[in-house]
Amino acid sequence: MMKEPINKFCPRSGKYVQADSLTTYRGHTVGFCNPHCSQDFTANPDAHPSDRAYFDTLLKEYELATE
């Protein structure tokens, strides 16, 4: 079972993340609003730089908050 996602909102739609739409990125659980987007990102994260930028920003904020 995956951990809670680092994001509450989908980077593509802005809708709430759904439990059936989780994946991992850089060792962290991230989420999308539907399984299609999650699978699309998992298959080729490099094809989605805006998704990666969103998650990287959240990870940086987390790192700064825990220093």
N, C-alpha and C. Protein backbone atom coordinates (compact mmCIF):
# COMPACT_ATOMS: atom_id res chain seq x y z
N MET A 1 0.84 -1.18 0.00
CA MET A 1 0.00 0.00 0.00
C MET A 1 0.88 1.25 0.00
N MET A 2 0.51 2.23 -0.81
CA MET A 2 1.28 3.45 -0.90
C MET A 2 0.96 4.38 0.27
N LYS A 3 1.92 5.24 0.57
CA LYS A 3 1.72 6.26 1.60
C LYS A 3 0.79 7.34 1.07
N GLU A 4 0.49 8.29 1.94
CA GLU A 4 -0.30 9.44 1.52
C GLU A 4 0.48 10.24 0.48
N PRO A 5 -0.19 10.77 -0.52
CA PRO A 5 0.52 11.55 -1.53
C PRO A 5 1.01 12.89 -0.97
N ILE A 6 2.07 13.42 -1.56
CA ILE A 6 2.60 14.71 -1.13
C ILE A 6 1.71 15.85 -1.59
N ASN A 7 0.85 15.60 -2.55
CA ASN A 7 -0.03 16.65 -3.08
C ASN A 7 -1.49 16.32 -2.81
N LYS A 8 -2.29 17.36 -2.61
CA LYS A 8 -3.72 17.20 -2.41
C LYS A 8 -4.48 17.40 -3.72
N PHE A 9 -3.85 18.12 -4.65
CA PHE A 9 -4.52 18.47 -5.90
C PHE A 9 -3.74 17.94 -7.10
N CYS A 10 -4.47 17.55 -8.12
CA CYS A 10 -3.89 17.04 -9.35
C CYS A 10 -3.14 18.17 -10.06
N PRO A 11 -1.92 17.90 -10.53
CA PRO A 11 -1.17 18.94 -11.23
C PRO A 11 -1.76 19.31 -12.59
N ARG A 12 -2.62 18.47 -13.12
CA ARG A 12 -3.19 18.72 -14.44
C ARG A 12 -4.55 19.42 -14.37
N SER A 13 -5.39 19.02 -13.45
CA SER A 13 -6.76 19.55 -13.42
C SER A 13 -7.04 20.47 -12.25
N GLY A 14 -6.25 20.35 -11.19
CA GLY A 14 -6.52 21.10 -9.98
C GLY A 14 -7.56 20.46 -9.09
N LYS A 15 -8.11 19.32 -9.52
CA LYS A 15 -9.09 18.59 -8.72
C LYS A 15 -8.37 17.81 -7.63
N TYR A 16 -9.16 17.35 -6.64
CA TYR A 16 -8.58 16.54 -5.56
C TYR A 16 -7.99 15.24 -6.10
N VAL A 17 -6.88 14.82 -5.51
CA VAL A 17 -6.24 13.55 -5.82
C VAL A 17 -7.16 12.41 -5.39
N GLN A 18 -7.21 11.35 -6.18
CA GLN A 18 -8.02 10.17 -5.87
C GLN A 18 -7.13 9.01 -5.45
N ALA A 19 -7.60 8.20 -4.54
CA ALA A 19 -6.83 7.08 -4.00
C ALA A 19 -6.45 6.06 -5.07
N ASP A 20 -7.23 5.95 -6.14
CA ASP A 20 -6.93 4.98 -7.19
C ASP A 20 -5.99 5.56 -8.27
N SER A 21 -5.43 6.73 -7.99
CA SER A 21 -4.62 7.42 -9.00
C SER A 21 -3.26 7.83 -8.46
N LEU A 22 -2.69 7.00 -7.59
CA LEU A 22 -1.39 7.29 -6.99
C LEU A 22 -0.27 6.58 -7.73
N THR A 23 0.91 7.19 -7.68
CA THR A 23 2.12 6.60 -8.24
C THR A 23 3.31 7.14 -7.44
N THR A 24 4.51 6.80 -7.83
CA THR A 24 5.67 7.32 -7.12
C THR A 24 6.51 8.19 -8.04
N TYR A 25 7.15 9.18 -7.43
CA TYR A 25 8.05 10.09 -8.13
C TYR A 25 9.17 10.44 -7.17
N ARG A 26 10.40 10.17 -7.58
CA ARG A 26 11.59 10.44 -6.74
C ARG A 26 11.43 9.85 -5.33
N GLY A 27 10.83 8.68 -5.25
CA GLY A 27 10.69 7.99 -3.97
C GLY A 27 9.53 8.46 -3.11
N HIS A 28 8.69 9.33 -3.64
CA HIS A 28 7.55 9.85 -2.89
C HIS A 28 6.25 9.49 -3.61
N THR A 29 5.20 9.34 -2.83
CA THR A 29 3.89 9.08 -3.40
C THR A 29 3.29 10.39 -3.89
N VAL A 30 2.84 10.38 -5.14
CA VAL A 30 2.17 11.54 -5.74
C VAL A 30 0.86 11.08 -6.33
N GLY A 31 -0.05 12.02 -6.53
CA GLY A 31 -1.36 11.62 -7.01
C GLY A 31 -1.91 12.50 -8.12
N PHE A 32 -2.89 11.93 -8.79
CA PHE A 32 -3.62 12.59 -9.86
C PHE A 32 -5.10 12.42 -9.59
N CYS A 33 -5.93 13.08 -10.40
CA CYS A 33 -7.38 13.01 -10.17
C CYS A 33 -8.03 11.80 -10.83
N ASN A 34 -7.28 11.10 -11.70
CA ASN A 34 -7.84 9.90 -12.32
C ASN A 34 -6.72 8.93 -12.72
N PRO A 35 -7.03 7.66 -12.83
CA PRO A 35 -6.01 6.65 -13.14
C PRO A 35 -5.32 6.87 -14.49
N HIS A 36 -6.02 7.39 -15.48
CA HIS A 36 -5.41 7.59 -16.79
C HIS A 36 -4.19 8.53 -16.69
N CYS A 37 -4.35 9.65 -16.01
CA CYS A 37 -3.24 10.60 -15.89
C CYS A 37 -2.09 10.00 -15.08
N SER A 38 -2.43 9.26 -14.04
CA SER A 38 -1.41 8.62 -13.22
C SER A 38 -0.60 7.63 -14.05
N GLN A 39 -1.29 6.80 -14.82
CA GLN A 39 -0.61 5.81 -15.66
C GLN A 39 0.21 6.48 -16.76
N ASP A 40 -0.32 7.54 -17.33
CA ASP A 40 0.37 8.30 -18.36
C ASP A 40 1.68 8.88 -17.81
N PHE A 41 1.62 9.46 -16.62
CA PHE A 41 2.82 10.02 -15.99
C PHE A 41 3.82 8.92 -15.64
N THR A 42 3.35 7.83 -15.08
CA THR A 42 4.22 6.72 -14.69
C THR A 42 4.95 6.14 -15.89
N ALA A 43 4.26 6.04 -17.01
CA ALA A 43 4.86 5.46 -18.22
C ALA A 43 6.00 6.31 -18.76
N ASN A 44 5.90 7.64 -18.63
CA ASN A 44 6.95 8.49 -19.18
C ASN A 44 6.94 9.86 -18.49
N PRO A 45 7.53 9.95 -17.28
CA PRO A 45 7.53 11.22 -16.56
C PRO A 45 8.27 12.33 -17.31
N ASP A 46 9.26 11.99 -18.12
CA ASP A 46 10.01 13.00 -18.86
C ASP A 46 9.15 13.71 -19.91
N ALA A 47 8.07 13.09 -20.31
CA ALA A 47 7.17 13.70 -21.29
C ALA A 47 6.23 14.72 -20.65
N HIS A 48 6.31 14.87 -19.34
CA HIS A 48 5.39 15.75 -18.61
C HIS A 48 6.16 16.69 -17.69
N PRO A 49 6.91 17.63 -18.26
CA PRO A 49 7.73 18.52 -17.43
C PRO A 49 6.93 19.39 -16.47
N SER A 50 5.71 19.76 -16.81
CA SER A 50 4.93 20.58 -15.88
C SER A 50 4.51 19.77 -14.65
N ASP A 51 4.20 18.50 -14.83
CA ASP A 51 3.88 17.63 -13.68
C ASP A 51 5.10 17.50 -12.78
N ARG A 52 6.26 17.24 -13.40
CA ARG A 52 7.49 17.10 -12.62
C ARG A 52 7.83 18.38 -11.87
N ALA A 53 7.65 19.53 -12.52
CA ALA A 53 7.94 20.81 -11.89
C ALA A 53 7.04 21.02 -10.67
N TYR A 54 5.77 20.66 -10.79
CA TYR A 54 4.83 20.77 -9.68
C TYR A 54 5.28 19.91 -8.50
N PHE A 55 5.61 18.65 -8.78
CA PHE A 55 6.05 17.77 -7.71
C PHE A 55 7.40 18.20 -7.13
N ASP A 56 8.31 18.66 -7.98
CA ASP A 56 9.62 19.13 -7.49
C ASP A 56 9.46 20.32 -6.56
N THR A 57 8.53 21.22 -6.87
CA THR A 57 8.27 22.37 -6.01
C THR A 57 7.75 21.92 -4.65
N LEU A 58 6.82 20.99 -4.65
CA LEU A 58 6.30 20.48 -3.38
C LEU A 58 7.39 19.79 -2.57
N LEU A 59 8.25 19.03 -3.23
CA LEU A 59 9.33 18.35 -2.53
C LEU A 59 10.33 19.37 -1.95
N LYS A 60 10.62 20.41 -2.68
CA LYS A 60 11.54 21.45 -2.19
C LYS A 60 10.94 22.15 -0.98
N GLU A 61 9.65 22.48 -1.03
CA GLU A 61 8.98 23.10 0.12
C GLU A 61 9.04 22.19 1.34
N TYR A 62 8.85 20.90 1.12
CA TYR A 62 8.91 19.94 2.22
C TYR A 62 10.32 19.91 2.82
N GLU A 63 11.32 19.86 1.94
CA GLU A 63 12.70 19.82 2.41
C GLU A 63 13.04 21.07 3.21
N LEU A 64 12.63 22.25 2.75
CA LEU A 64 12.90 23.48 3.46
C LEU A 64 12.18 23.54 4.81
N ALA A 65 11.00 22.98 4.86
CA ALA A 65 10.21 23.01 6.10
C ALA A 65 10.77 22.07 7.15
N THR A 66 11.52 21.06 6.73
CA THR A 66 12.04 20.09 7.69
C THR A 66 13.51 20.30 8.02
N GLU A 67 14.09 21.37 7.52
CA GLU A 67 15.51 21.66 7.83
C GLU A 67 15.67 22.19 9.23
